């Protein structure tokens, strides 16, 4: 009876169990946490924009999560925001930071606001942006640097700003199909 008992295939060490549980938490658990945070950020952005008096346009044809996905990952209905009009509101550079959470925006109007060059830095993540109106703001050539990365941008309005002809030419070089109203 000194023979060592055979180990069965379903037996495993505590170390293996801890490694498997860690992998499960970091993989799917990390994704779920990321999606929940993204949904919370979108909701907070829409709430802040509405508090400022901005008008948001949503596209109901964009796909939305099912009921069980909303329960697990968060409500992403605010991700369907495709347009944002902040014209004639008291939006500042810091408040414009909320816009970066609305990654599906196709048009954005911030004319007649307090937005400056540093406020345009918040537009970097808006890859779908096609129309941008920053007229009647204090934006200069320095702020236009942030527009260079917006590859989908088709129309840019910079009327009555501090943007010079050379700033317009620099943007036109990086985005040759862009129509600029100057």
Protein backbone atom coordinates (compact mmCIF):
# COMPACT_ATOMS: atom_id res chain seq x y z
CA UNK A 1 0.00 0.00 0.00
CA UNK A 2 2.96 2.31 -0.35
CA UNK A 3 2.07 3.00 -3.95
CA UNK A 4 1.40 6.62 -4.72
CA UNK A 5 -2.26 7.16 -5.75
CA UNK A 6 -2.80 8.17 -9.38
CA UNK A 7 -3.65 11.74 -9.98
CA UNK A 8 -6.89 12.27 -11.88
CA UNK A 9 -7.10 14.54 -14.93
CA UNK A 10 -9.47 17.03 -13.26
CA UNK A 11 -7.17 17.70 -10.35
CA UNK A 12 -5.11 20.86 -10.46
CA UNK A 13 -3.03 22.92 -8.12
CA UNK A 14 -4.13 26.04 -6.31
CA UNK A 15 -1.51 27.98 -8.28
CA UNK A 16 -3.18 26.93 -11.57
CA UNK A 17 -6.58 27.97 -10.24
CA UNK A 18 -5.26 31.42 -9.29
CA UNK A 19 -3.64 31.90 -12.70
CA UNK A 20 -6.84 30.92 -14.54
CA UNK A 21 -8.98 33.21 -12.39
CA UNK A 22 -6.56 36.11 -12.92
CA UNK A 23 -6.66 35.59 -16.68
CA UNK A 24 -10.47 35.54 -16.66
CA UNK A 25 -10.65 38.74 -14.61
CA UNK A 26 -8.12 40.63 -16.71
CA UNK A 27 -9.47 39.53 -20.09
CA UNK A 28 -13.27 39.68 -20.19
CA UNK A 29 -13.45 41.53 -16.87
CA UNK A 30 -11.20 44.30 -18.17
CA UNK A 31 -13.29 44.63 -21.33
CA UNK A 32 -16.53 44.88 -19.34
CA UNK A 33 -15.03 47.51 -17.04
CA UNK A 34 -13.76 49.51 -20.03
CA UNK A 35 -17.17 49.44 -21.76
CA UNK A 36 -19.01 50.42 -18.57
CA UNK A 37 -16.66 53.37 -18.04
CA UNK A 38 -17.08 54.44 -21.67
CA UNK A 39 -20.89 54.42 -21.30
CA UNK A 40 -20.67 56.44 -18.06
CA UNK A 41 -18.38 59.00 -19.74
CA UNK A 42 -20.79 59.37 -22.68
CA UNK A 43 -23.73 59.87 -20.34
CA UNK A 44 -21.79 62.48 -18.33
CA UNK A 45 -20.78 64.28 -21.54
CA UNK A 46 -24.35 64.51 -22.79
CA UNK A 47 -25.56 65.69 -19.39
CA UNK A 48 -22.87 68.42 -19.23
CA UNK A 49 -23.59 69.56 -22.79
CA UNK A 50 -27.31 69.80 -22.12
CA UNK A 51 -26.61 71.77 -18.94
CA UNK A 52 -24.60 74.25 -21.04
CA UNK A 53 -27.55 74.66 -23.39
CA UNK A 54 -26.06 72.72 -26.29
CA UNK A 55 -28.15 70.83 -28.83
CA UNK A 56 -27.29 67.21 -29.58
CA UNK A 57 -28.38 65.25 -32.64
CA UNK A 58 -28.68 61.46 -32.43
CA UNK A 59 -28.83 58.92 -35.25
CA UNK A 60 -31.36 56.19 -34.35
CA UNK A 61 -30.23 54.05 -37.29
CA UNK A 62 -26.87 53.34 -35.63
CA UNK A 63 -26.88 49.97 -33.86
CA UNK A 64 -27.47 49.93 -30.14
CA UNK A 65 -26.86 47.26 -27.53
CA UNK A 66 -29.51 44.72 -26.63
CA UNK A 67 -31.16 44.78 -23.19
CA UNK A 68 -28.82 42.19 -21.67
CA UNK A 69 -25.77 43.95 -23.13
CA UNK A 70 -26.93 47.28 -21.65
CA UNK A 71 -27.29 45.57 -18.29
CA UNK A 72 -23.78 44.11 -18.43
CA UNK A 73 -21.81 46.73 -20.41
CA UNK A 74 -23.80 49.91 -19.80
CA UNK A 75 -26.20 51.96 -21.90
CA UNK A 76 -24.42 53.13 -25.04
CA UNK A 77 -27.34 55.02 -26.55
CA UNK A 78 -25.38 58.26 -26.13
CA UNK A 79 -22.72 56.84 -28.47
CA UNK A 80 -25.19 57.53 -31.30
CA UNK A 81 -24.64 61.29 -30.97
CA UNK A 82 -23.69 62.44 -34.47
CA UNK A 83 -24.00 66.21 -34.17
CA UNK A 84 -23.42 68.83 -31.53
CA UNK A 85 -24.28 72.51 -31.62
CA UNK A 86 -22.72 74.58 -28.86
CA UNK A 87 -23.03 77.88 -30.72
CA UNK A 88 -23.94 80.90 -28.60
CA UNK A 89 -23.37 79.01 -25.34
CA UNK A 90 -20.92 79.85 -22.59
CA UNK A 91 -18.75 76.82 -23.29
CA UNK A 92 -15.09 77.14 -22.37
CA UNK A 93 -12.04 75.05 -23.23
CA UNK A 94 -12.39 72.92 -20.11
CA UNK A 95 -16.05 72.20 -20.80
CA UNK A 96 -15.28 71.26 -24.39
CA UNK A 97 -13.32 68.30 -22.97
CA UNK A 98 -16.62 66.39 -22.67
CA UNK A 99 -16.87 66.25 -26.46
CA UNK A 100 -14.05 63.70 -26.76
CA UNK A 101 -16.32 61.01 -25.26
CA UNK A 102 -18.75 61.32 -28.18
CA UNK A 103 -16.56 59.55 -30.72
CA UNK A 104 -19.26 59.21 -33.41
CA UNK A 105 -19.75 62.97 -33.88
CA UNK A 106 -19.96 63.94 -37.54
CA UNK A 107 -20.50 67.67 -37.09
CA UNK A 108 -19.62 70.13 -34.37
CA UNK A 109 -20.43 73.85 -34.09
CA UNK A 110 -18.75 75.93 -31.39
CA UNK A 111 -19.09 79.35 -33.03
CA UNK A 112 -19.71 82.38 -30.81
CA UNK A 113 -18.21 80.63 -27.79
CA UNK A 114 -15.21 81.15 -25.50
CA UNK A 115 -13.26 78.29 -27.12
CA UNK A 116 -9.56 78.97 -27.75
CA UNK A 117 -6.59 77.04 -29.15
CA UNK A 118 -6.26 74.78 -26.12
CA UNK A 119 -9.92 73.77 -26.42
CA UNK A 120 -9.33 72.30 -29.87
CA UNK A 121 -6.96 69.75 -28.33
CA UNK A 122 -10.06 67.87 -27.15
CA UNK A 123 -11.08 67.15 -30.76
CA UNK A 124 -8.23 64.71 -31.38
CA UNK A 125 -10.32 61.58 -30.74
CA UNK A 126 -13.18 62.56 -33.06
CA UNK A 127 -12.17 60.43 -36.06
CA UNK A 128 -15.66 60.60 -37.67
CA UNK A 129 -15.89 64.42 -37.62
CA UNK A 130 -16.78 65.77 -41.08
CA UNK A 131 -17.94 69.35 -40.41
CA UNK A 132 -16.40 71.74 -37.88
CA UNK A 133 -17.51 75.34 -37.30
CA UNK A 134 -15.21 77.34 -35.05
CA UNK A 135 -16.13 80.78 -36.40
CA UNK A 136 -16.36 83.80 -34.09
CA UNK A 137 -13.95 82.25 -31.55
CA UNK A 138 -10.44 83.17 -30.35
CA UNK A 139 -8.81 80.30 -32.25
CA UNK A 140 -5.47 81.02 -33.97
CA UNK A 141 -3.12 79.12 -36.28
CA UNK A 142 -1.71 77.38 -33.19
CA UNK A 143 -5.07 75.75 -32.47
CA UNK A 144 -5.48 74.53 -36.04
CA UNK A 145 -2.67 72.03 -35.40
CA UNK A 146 -5.30 69.84 -33.70
CA UNK A 147 -7.38 69.76 -36.88
CA UNK A 148 -4.63 68.06 -38.90
CA UNK A 149 -5.47 64.64 -37.44
CA UNK A 150 -9.17 64.79 -38.37
CA UNK A 151 -8.86 62.79 -41.62
CA UNK A 152 -12.64 62.63 -42.32
CA UNK A 153 -13.09 66.40 -42.04
CA UNK A 154 -14.71 67.79 -45.21
CA UNK A 155 -15.73 71.34 -44.16
CA UNK A 156 -13.99 73.70 -41.75
CA UNK A 157 -15.41 77.16 -40.97
CA UNK A 158 -12.98 79.64 -39.44
CA UNK A 159 -14.69 82.95 -40.28
CA UNK A 160 -13.91 85.88 -38.01
CA UNK A 161 -11.19 84.10 -36.04
CA UNK A 162 -7.50 84.90 -35.57
CA UNK A 163 -6.58 82.23 -38.17
CA UNK A 164 -4.29 83.59 -40.89
CA UNK A 165 -3.95 82.60 -44.54
CA UNK A 166 -0.76 80.68 -43.73
CA UNK A 167 -2.61 78.67 -41.06
CA UNK A 168 -5.30 77.84 -43.60
CA UNK A 169 -2.62 76.75 -46.12
CA UNK A 170 -0.99 74.45 -43.54
CA UNK A 171 -4.28 72.72 -42.86
CA UNK A 172 -5.03 72.51 -46.58
CA UNK A 173 -1.67 70.78 -47.17
CA UNK A 174 -2.39 68.05 -44.61
CA UNK A 175 -6.06 67.68 -45.65
CA UNK A 176 -6.18 68.45 -49.40
CA UNK A 177 -9.89 67.57 -49.85
CA UNK A 178 -10.93 69.90 -47.02
CA UNK A 179 -13.15 72.88 -47.94
CA UNK A 180 -12.25 75.80 -45.66
CA UNK A 181 -14.53 78.81 -45.19
CA UNK A 182 -12.17 81.62 -44.18
